[in-house]
Amino acid sequence: MKGFRNILYVIDPAVTQETGLARAFSLAENNQATLTLINVIPEEMLDLSLAPGEPSAHEFRDAVTAERRALIESLIAPYIDKADWHIALLTGITFIEVIRAVLRDHHDLVIKTAENPEWSRLLFGSDDMHLMRKCPCPVWLMKPEETTSYRRIVAAVDIDVYQAEPEEQALNDSILDVASSLALSEFAELHLVHAWDAPEAGFVSIWSNDPDKMERHLLEGEYHRHKAGMDRLSHRLRERIGLETHEYLSPRVHMPMGQARKQLPQLVDRLEADLVVMGTVVRTGIPGFIIGNTAEAVLYQLKCSVLALKPQGFVSPVTLT
């Protein structure tokens, strides 16, 4: 099962942090991981023209940094004995500095409380979506009002039954490994979801003498192909975590018919899921363009926390220089 060893938690003082910090420290404690608490101060906040007699620019920077460190220390005071932690204060643009920290210090998970800007009904703000698109390691965006424990975790997988790639299989396996590990630690239900579709079935009336029969035939065939793919995925999961653990989790499998961008958010709402673990991938081969239209459309509709994984070999467009 998937474990994290070097976690980066992004602190945004404008958003409620209590439940996010509690979960981050708990995860670090359970995984015996190092936890870095990062806060990025916008450069424009520090580049102020001060009147004569006021503190110098250097003194002002030091004062702002000291105030921010004191705030973070007060936020984490209830958890300081739970994990090995340290604070990193940086200046610049949040998502860029976070990704640079990941590249520099080899973090294997980024956790951030979602911005939830007031001007938008969307859960995720600008920095959040930049991290989803460009951060090379998994990104866990939590709702500002996180529940203290998860009841239902959804693992959303994408199966190409006609041209399955090794990278896709590896990503699906990683999604299930992470979701099952979290379900175990949270004593939560695990739901495996794959939306499938057969758009060609809508055109059978053009060429078939018995369109109803042919449509049923096409739908049944497509369903069974996707069902076989889900069975193979579940079998690999059972082999990795063991029969006893798999039976304890008893993952529920859902295969709604229709476009994933519609079916997945609707199913997540019906299940009242607390977390969706999903992949963010598009088959373009262009470094940095990792969220495809379907995945991004799904993310914009979700009202729960999301843990998004990248495929192997993803290259971030953000660099250290």
Protein backbone atom coordinates (compact mmCIF):
# COMPACT_ATOMS: atom_id res chain seq x y z
CA MET A 1 0.00 0.00 0.00
CA LYS A 2 1.03 3.55 -0.68
CA GLY A 3 2.83 5.48 2.03
CA PHE A 4 4.09 9.04 1.99
CA ARG A 5 7.45 9.96 3.49
CA ASN A 6 8.02 13.65 2.73
CA ILE A 7 4.82 15.71 2.93
CA LEU A 8 4.47 19.39 2.06
CA TYR A 9 1.55 21.28 3.61
CA VAL A 10 0.69 24.66 2.09
CA ILE A 11 -0.59 27.20 4.61
CA ASP A 12 -2.87 29.97 3.39
CA PRO A 13 -3.78 32.25 6.33
CA ALA A 14 -6.87 33.45 4.45
CA VAL A 15 -8.49 30.00 4.68
CA THR A 16 -9.47 27.96 7.74
CA GLN A 17 -6.58 25.60 8.53
CA GLU A 18 -7.54 23.64 11.64
CA THR A 19 -8.94 20.45 10.14
CA GLY A 20 -6.43 20.43 7.29
CA LEU A 21 -3.51 20.72 9.69
CA ALA A 22 -4.95 18.03 11.95
CA ARG A 23 -5.18 15.61 9.02
CA ALA A 24 -1.71 16.52 7.72
CA PHE A 25 -0.09 15.89 11.10
CA SER A 26 -2.06 12.67 11.55
CA LEU A 27 -0.98 11.45 8.11
CA ALA A 28 2.64 12.32 8.84
CA GLU A 29 2.46 10.54 12.18
CA ASN A 30 0.88 7.40 10.73
CA ASN A 31 3.40 7.26 7.88
CA GLN A 32 6.38 8.30 10.02
CA ALA A 33 6.86 11.04 7.47
CA THR A 34 8.58 14.41 7.57
CA LEU A 35 6.12 17.30 7.36
CA THR A 36 7.12 20.68 5.94
CA LEU A 37 4.75 23.60 6.52
CA ILE A 38 5.24 26.10 3.71
CA ASN A 39 3.87 29.60 3.42
CA VAL A 40 4.54 31.83 0.44
CA ILE A 41 4.40 35.58 1.01
CA PRO A 42 3.61 37.60 -2.14
CA GLU A 43 6.60 39.70 -3.16
CA GLU A 44 4.41 42.77 -3.64
CA MET A 45 3.44 42.59 0.04
CA LEU A 46 7.06 43.15 0.98
CA ASP A 47 8.00 45.73 -1.65
CA LEU A 48 6.41 48.77 -0.04
CA SER A 49 7.68 52.32 -0.27
CA LEU A 50 8.00 53.38 3.33
CA ALA A 51 7.93 56.98 4.52
CA PRO A 52 11.03 58.55 6.08
CA GLY A 53 11.42 57.51 9.67
CA GLU A 54 9.56 54.25 9.10
CA PRO A 55 11.35 50.86 9.31
CA SER A 56 13.66 50.07 6.41
CA ALA A 57 12.58 47.66 3.70
CA HIS A 58 14.82 45.00 5.24
CA GLU A 59 13.34 45.57 8.71
CA PHE A 60 9.84 45.46 7.27
CA ARG A 61 10.54 42.13 5.56
CA ASP A 62 11.89 40.72 8.79
CA ALA A 63 8.82 41.91 10.71
CA VAL A 64 6.37 40.39 8.21
CA THR A 65 8.30 37.11 8.17
CA ALA A 66 8.42 36.98 11.98
CA GLU A 67 4.69 37.68 12.18
CA ARG A 68 3.93 34.94 9.67
CA ARG A 69 6.14 32.42 11.49
CA ALA A 70 4.45 33.26 14.80
CA LEU A 71 1.03 32.73 13.19
CA ILE A 72 2.03 29.32 11.83
CA GLU A 73 3.50 28.26 15.18
CA SER A 74 0.23 29.20 16.88
CA LEU A 75 -1.78 27.19 14.33
CA ILE A 76 0.31 24.04 14.77
CA ALA A 77 0.68 24.29 18.55
CA PRO A 78 -1.81 21.44 19.24
CA TYR A 79 0.07 19.03 16.95
CA ILE A 80 3.78 19.70 17.40
CA ASP A 81 4.44 16.43 19.23
CA LYS A 82 2.80 14.28 16.56
CA ALA A 83 5.39 14.40 13.77
CA ASP A 84 8.80 15.55 12.62
CA TRP A 85 8.05 19.00 11.17
CA HIS A 86 9.63 22.27 10.13
CA ILE A 87 8.50 25.61 8.68
CA ALA A 88 9.55 27.08 5.32
CA LEU A 89 8.76 30.74 4.61
CA LEU A 90 9.24 31.81 0.99
CA THR A 91 8.36 34.78 -1.18
CA GLY A 92 6.88 34.79 -4.66
CA ILE A 93 3.89 33.18 -6.39
CA THR A 94 2.40 30.39 -4.30
CA PHE A 95 2.00 27.60 -6.85
CA ILE A 96 5.42 28.24 -8.42
CA GLU A 97 7.28 28.22 -5.10
CA VAL A 98 5.38 25.14 -3.92
CA ILE A 99 6.31 23.22 -7.07
CA ARG A 100 9.91 24.38 -6.80
CA ALA A 101 9.97 23.10 -3.21
CA VAL A 102 8.67 19.74 -4.45
CA LEU A 103 11.40 19.58 -7.10
CA ARG A 104 14.13 20.76 -4.75
CA ASP A 105 13.27 18.68 -1.68
CA HIS A 106 11.64 15.65 -3.35
CA HIS A 107 8.28 15.87 -1.58
CA ASP A 108 5.94 13.00 -2.45
CA LEU A 109 2.66 14.68 -1.46
CA VAL A 110 1.33 18.25 -1.39
CA ILE A 111 -1.62 19.03 0.89
CA LYS A 112 -3.50 22.30 0.69
CA THR A 113 -6.82 23.62 1.92
CA ALA A 114 -8.82 24.70 -1.12
CA GLU A 115 -9.12 28.46 -1.65
CA ASN A 116 -12.88 28.47 -2.30
CA PRO A 117 -12.91 32.11 -3.52
CA GLU A 118 -16.02 34.08 -2.61
CA TRP A 119 -16.57 35.31 -6.18
CA SER A 120 -16.98 31.76 -7.47
CA ARG A 121 -19.09 28.75 -6.62
CA LEU A 122 -16.15 26.54 -7.55
CA LEU A 123 -14.33 24.81 -4.73
CA PHE A 124 -10.87 25.28 -6.20
CA GLY A 125 -9.14 28.60 -6.74
CA SER A 126 -6.37 29.72 -9.08
CA ASP A 127 -3.36 28.36 -7.17
CA ASP A 128 -5.23 25.11 -6.58
CA MET A 129 -5.79 24.47 -10.29
CA HIS A 130 -2.23 25.45 -11.14
CA LEU A 131 -1.01 22.85 -8.64
CA MET A 132 -3.38 20.25 -10.05
CA ARG A 133 -2.08 20.89 -13.56
CA LYS A 134 1.62 21.36 -12.93
CA CYS A 135 2.78 19.82 -9.64
CA PRO A 136 4.72 16.59 -10.32
CA CYS A 137 3.67 14.79 -7.12
CA PRO A 138 0.15 13.98 -5.84
CA VAL A 139 -1.89 16.99 -4.71
CA TRP A 140 -4.49 16.68 -1.97
CA LEU A 141 -6.93 19.60 -1.91
CA MET A 142 -9.11 19.60 1.18
CA LYS A 143 -12.35 21.42 1.74
CA PRO A 144 -11.98 24.39 4.10
CA GLU A 145 -14.40 22.67 6.48
CA GLU A 146 -12.93 19.16 6.39
CA THR A 147 -14.59 16.39 8.34
CA THR A 148 -12.43 14.91 11.07
CA SER A 149 -12.87 11.44 9.58
CA TYR A 150 -13.82 10.18 6.15
CA ARG A 151 -16.79 7.85 5.75
CA ARG A 152 -16.64 7.19 2.00
CA ILE A 153 -13.66 7.36 -0.34
CA VAL A 154 -14.09 7.14 -4.11
CA ALA A 155 -11.31 5.85 -6.38
CA ALA A 156 -12.08 7.05 -9.91
CA VAL A 157 -10.28 5.12 -12.65
CA ASP A 158 -10.21 5.42 -16.43
CA ILE A 159 -9.94 2.20 -18.45
CA ASP A 160 -9.21 2.18 -22.16
CA VAL A 161 -10.38 -1.27 -23.21
CA TYR A 162 -9.11 -0.89 -26.77
CA GLN A 163 -5.65 0.61 -26.36
CA ALA A 164 -4.53 0.27 -22.75
CA GLU A 165 -1.13 1.84 -22.11
CA PRO A 166 1.30 0.72 -19.36
CA GLU A 167 1.25 4.29 -17.97
CA GLU A 168 -2.53 4.16 -17.66
CA GLN A 169 -2.41 0.82 -15.88
CA ALA A 170 0.26 2.10 -13.48
CA LEU A 171 -1.78 5.24 -12.76
CA ASN A 172 -4.94 3.22 -12.06
CA ASP A 173 -2.99 0.91 -9.75
CA SER A 174 -1.58 3.92 -7.88
CA ILE A 175 -5.07 5.42 -7.50
CA LEU A 176 -6.37 2.17 -5.98
CA ASP A 177 -3.33 1.75 -3.74
CA VAL A 178 -3.67 5.25 -2.29
CA ALA A 179 -7.46 5.03 -1.93
CA SER A 180 -7.37 1.61 -0.26
CA SER A 181 -4.62 2.69 2.14
CA LEU A 182 -6.60 5.77 3.17
CA ALA A 183 -9.83 3.75 3.48
CA LEU A 184 -8.06 1.39 5.86
CA SER A 185 -6.61 4.17 8.00
CA GLU A 186 -9.93 6.05 8.07
CA PHE A 187 -12.13 2.94 8.56
CA ALA A 188 -14.01 4.25 5.53
CA GLU A 189 -15.99 2.63 2.73
CA LEU A 190 -14.07 2.24 -0.51
CA HIS A 191 -15.93 2.79 -3.79
CA LEU A 192 -14.33 2.04 -7.16
CA VAL A 193 -15.87 4.06 -9.98
CA HIS A 194 -15.46 3.83 -13.74
CA ALA A 195 -17.82 5.58 -16.14
CA TRP A 196 -18.14 3.99 -19.56
CA ASP A 197 -19.94 4.97 -22.72
CA ALA A 198 -20.84 3.60 -26.16
CA PRO A 199 -21.58 6.67 -28.30
CA GLU A 200 -21.67 4.60 -31.47
CA ALA A 201 -24.87 2.95 -30.21
CA GLY A 202 -26.75 6.14 -30.98
CA PHE A 203 -26.08 5.81 -34.71
CA VAL A 204 -27.22 2.22 -35.33
CA SER A 205 -30.51 3.38 -36.83
CA ILE A 206 -28.57 4.73 -39.79
CA TRP A 207 -27.35 1.33 -40.94
CA SER A 208 -29.14 -1.42 -39.01
CA ASN A 209 -32.42 -3.09 -40.02
CA ASP A 210 -33.13 -3.81 -36.33
CA PRO A 211 -31.68 -0.80 -34.47
CA ASP A 212 -33.12 -1.71 -31.06
CA LYS A 213 -31.58 -5.16 -31.10
CA MET A 214 -28.28 -3.89 -32.45
CA GLU A 215 -28.13 -1.13 -29.84
CA ARG A 216 -28.68 -3.63 -27.03
CA HIS A 217 -25.97 -5.83 -28.54
CA LEU A 218 -23.48 -2.95 -28.71
CA LEU A 219 -24.23 -1.77 -25.17
CA GLU A 220 -23.94 -5.27 -23.71
CA GLY A 221 -20.64 -5.87 -25.48
CA GLU A 222 -19.19 -2.55 -24.37
CA TYR A 223 -20.34 -3.07 -20.80
CA HIS A 224 -18.76 -6.51 -20.57
CA ARG A 225 -15.46 -5.21 -21.97
CA HIS A 226 -15.31 -2.49 -19.33
CA LYS A 227 -16.48 -4.91 -16.64
CA ALA A 228 -13.61 -7.24 -17.55
CA GLY A 229 -11.21 -4.30 -17.26
CA MET A 230 -12.54 -3.43 -13.80
CA ASP A 231 -12.29 -7.09 -12.75
CA ARG A 232 -8.62 -7.15 -13.79
CA LEU A 233 -7.98 -3.95 -11.88
CA SER A 234 -9.68 -5.31 -8.76
CA HIS A 235 -7.72 -8.55 -9.07
CA ARG A 236 -4.41 -6.68 -9.16
CA LEU A 237 -5.46 -4.70 -6.10
CA ARG A 238 -6.35 -7.90 -4.25
CA GLU A 239 -2.95 -9.36 -5.09
CA ARG A 240 -1.13 -6.28 -3.79
CA ILE A 241 -2.99 -5.79 -0.51
CA GLY A 242 -3.79 -9.44 0.24
CA LEU A 243 -7.03 -11.38 0.29
CA GLU A 244 -7.81 -10.71 3.96
CA THR A 245 -7.40 -6.94 3.63
CA HIS A 246 -9.38 -6.91 0.38
CA GLU A 247 -12.24 -8.81 2.01
CA TYR A 248 -12.18 -6.40 4.94
CA LEU A 249 -12.43 -3.40 2.62
CA SER A 250 -14.98 -5.07 0.33
CA PRO A 251 -14.71 -2.34 -2.31
CA ARG A 252 -18.01 -1.43 -3.95
CA VAL A 253 -17.74 -1.22 -7.74
CA HIS A 254 -19.81 1.33 -9.67
CA MET A 255 -19.94 1.45 -13.47
CA PRO A 256 -22.38 4.20 -14.49
CA MET A 257 -23.04 4.50 -18.19
CA GLY A 258 -22.38 7.89 -19.72
CA GLN A 259 -19.73 10.57 -19.92
CA ALA A 260 -17.39 10.64 -16.92
CA ARG A 261 -17.68 14.42 -16.67
CA LYS A 262 -21.37 14.00 -15.86
CA GLN A 263 -21.58 10.60 -14.21
CA LEU A 264 -18.70 10.87 -11.74
CA PRO A 265 -19.78 14.10 -10.00
CA GLN A 266 -23.37 12.87 -9.82
CA LEU A 267 -22.32 9.56 -8.28
CA VAL A 268 -20.00 11.28 -5.81
CA ASP A 269 -22.90 13.49 -4.72
CA ARG A 270 -25.24 10.52 -4.32
CA LEU A 271 -22.68 8.64 -2.25
CA GLU A 272 -21.97 11.76 -0.18
CA ALA A 273 -18.29 10.92 -0.59
CA ASP A 274 -15.71 12.78 1.47
CA LEU A 275 -12.75 12.26 -0.85
CA VAL A 276 -12.19 11.43 -4.51
CA VAL A 277 -8.84 9.91 -5.52
CA MET A 278 -8.35 10.35 -9.25
CA GLY A 279 -5.76 10.72 -11.96
CA THR A 280 -5.10 13.85 -13.95
CA VAL A 281 -3.91 12.88 -17.40
CA VAL A 282 -4.27 13.82 -21.03
CA ARG A 283 -2.67 11.96 -23.93
CA THR A 284 -0.96 14.88 -25.65
CA GLY A 285 2.69 14.19 -24.90
CA ILE A 286 3.20 17.87 -24.12
CA PRO A 287 5.09 18.44 -20.83
CA GLY A 288 2.94 20.21 -18.29
CA PHE A 289 -0.41 19.71 -20.01
CA ILE A 290 -1.66 17.04 -17.66
CA ILE A 291 -5.30 17.72 -16.92
CA GLY A 292 -7.52 16.77 -19.81
CA ASN A 293 -10.93 18.18 -20.57
CA THR A 294 -12.74 15.34 -18.79
CA ALA A 295 -10.68 15.43 -15.60
CA GLU A 296 -10.84 19.21 -15.34
CA ALA A 297 -14.59 19.24 -15.97
CA VAL A 298 -15.01 16.69 -13.18
CA LEU A 299 -12.83 18.66 -10.76
CA TYR A 300 -14.84 21.84 -11.28
CA GLN A 301 -18.04 20.03 -10.28
CA LEU A 302 -16.86 18.20 -7.18
CA LYS A 303 -17.83 19.55 -3.79
CA CYS A 304 -15.64 17.20 -1.76
CA SER A 305 -11.90 16.94 -1.17
CA VAL A 306 -9.75 15.62 -4.02
CA LEU A 307 -6.46 13.74 -4.12
CA ALA A 308 -5.08 13.93 -7.67
CA LEU A 309 -2.24 11.74 -8.92
CA LYS A 310 0.01 12.22 -11.94
CA PRO A 311 1.15 9.44 -14.28
CA GLN A 312 4.72 8.22 -14.24
CA GLY A 313 7.05 10.37 -16.29
CA PHE A 314 5.10 13.60 -15.90
CA VAL A 315 7.35 16.62 -16.35
CA SER A 316 6.29 19.88 -14.68
CA PRO A 317 6.57 23.06 -16.76
CA VAL A 318 7.82 24.79 -13.60
CA THR A 319 11.57 24.51 -13.10
CA LEU A 320 14.04 25.45 -10.38
CA THR A 321 15.53 28.21 -12.48
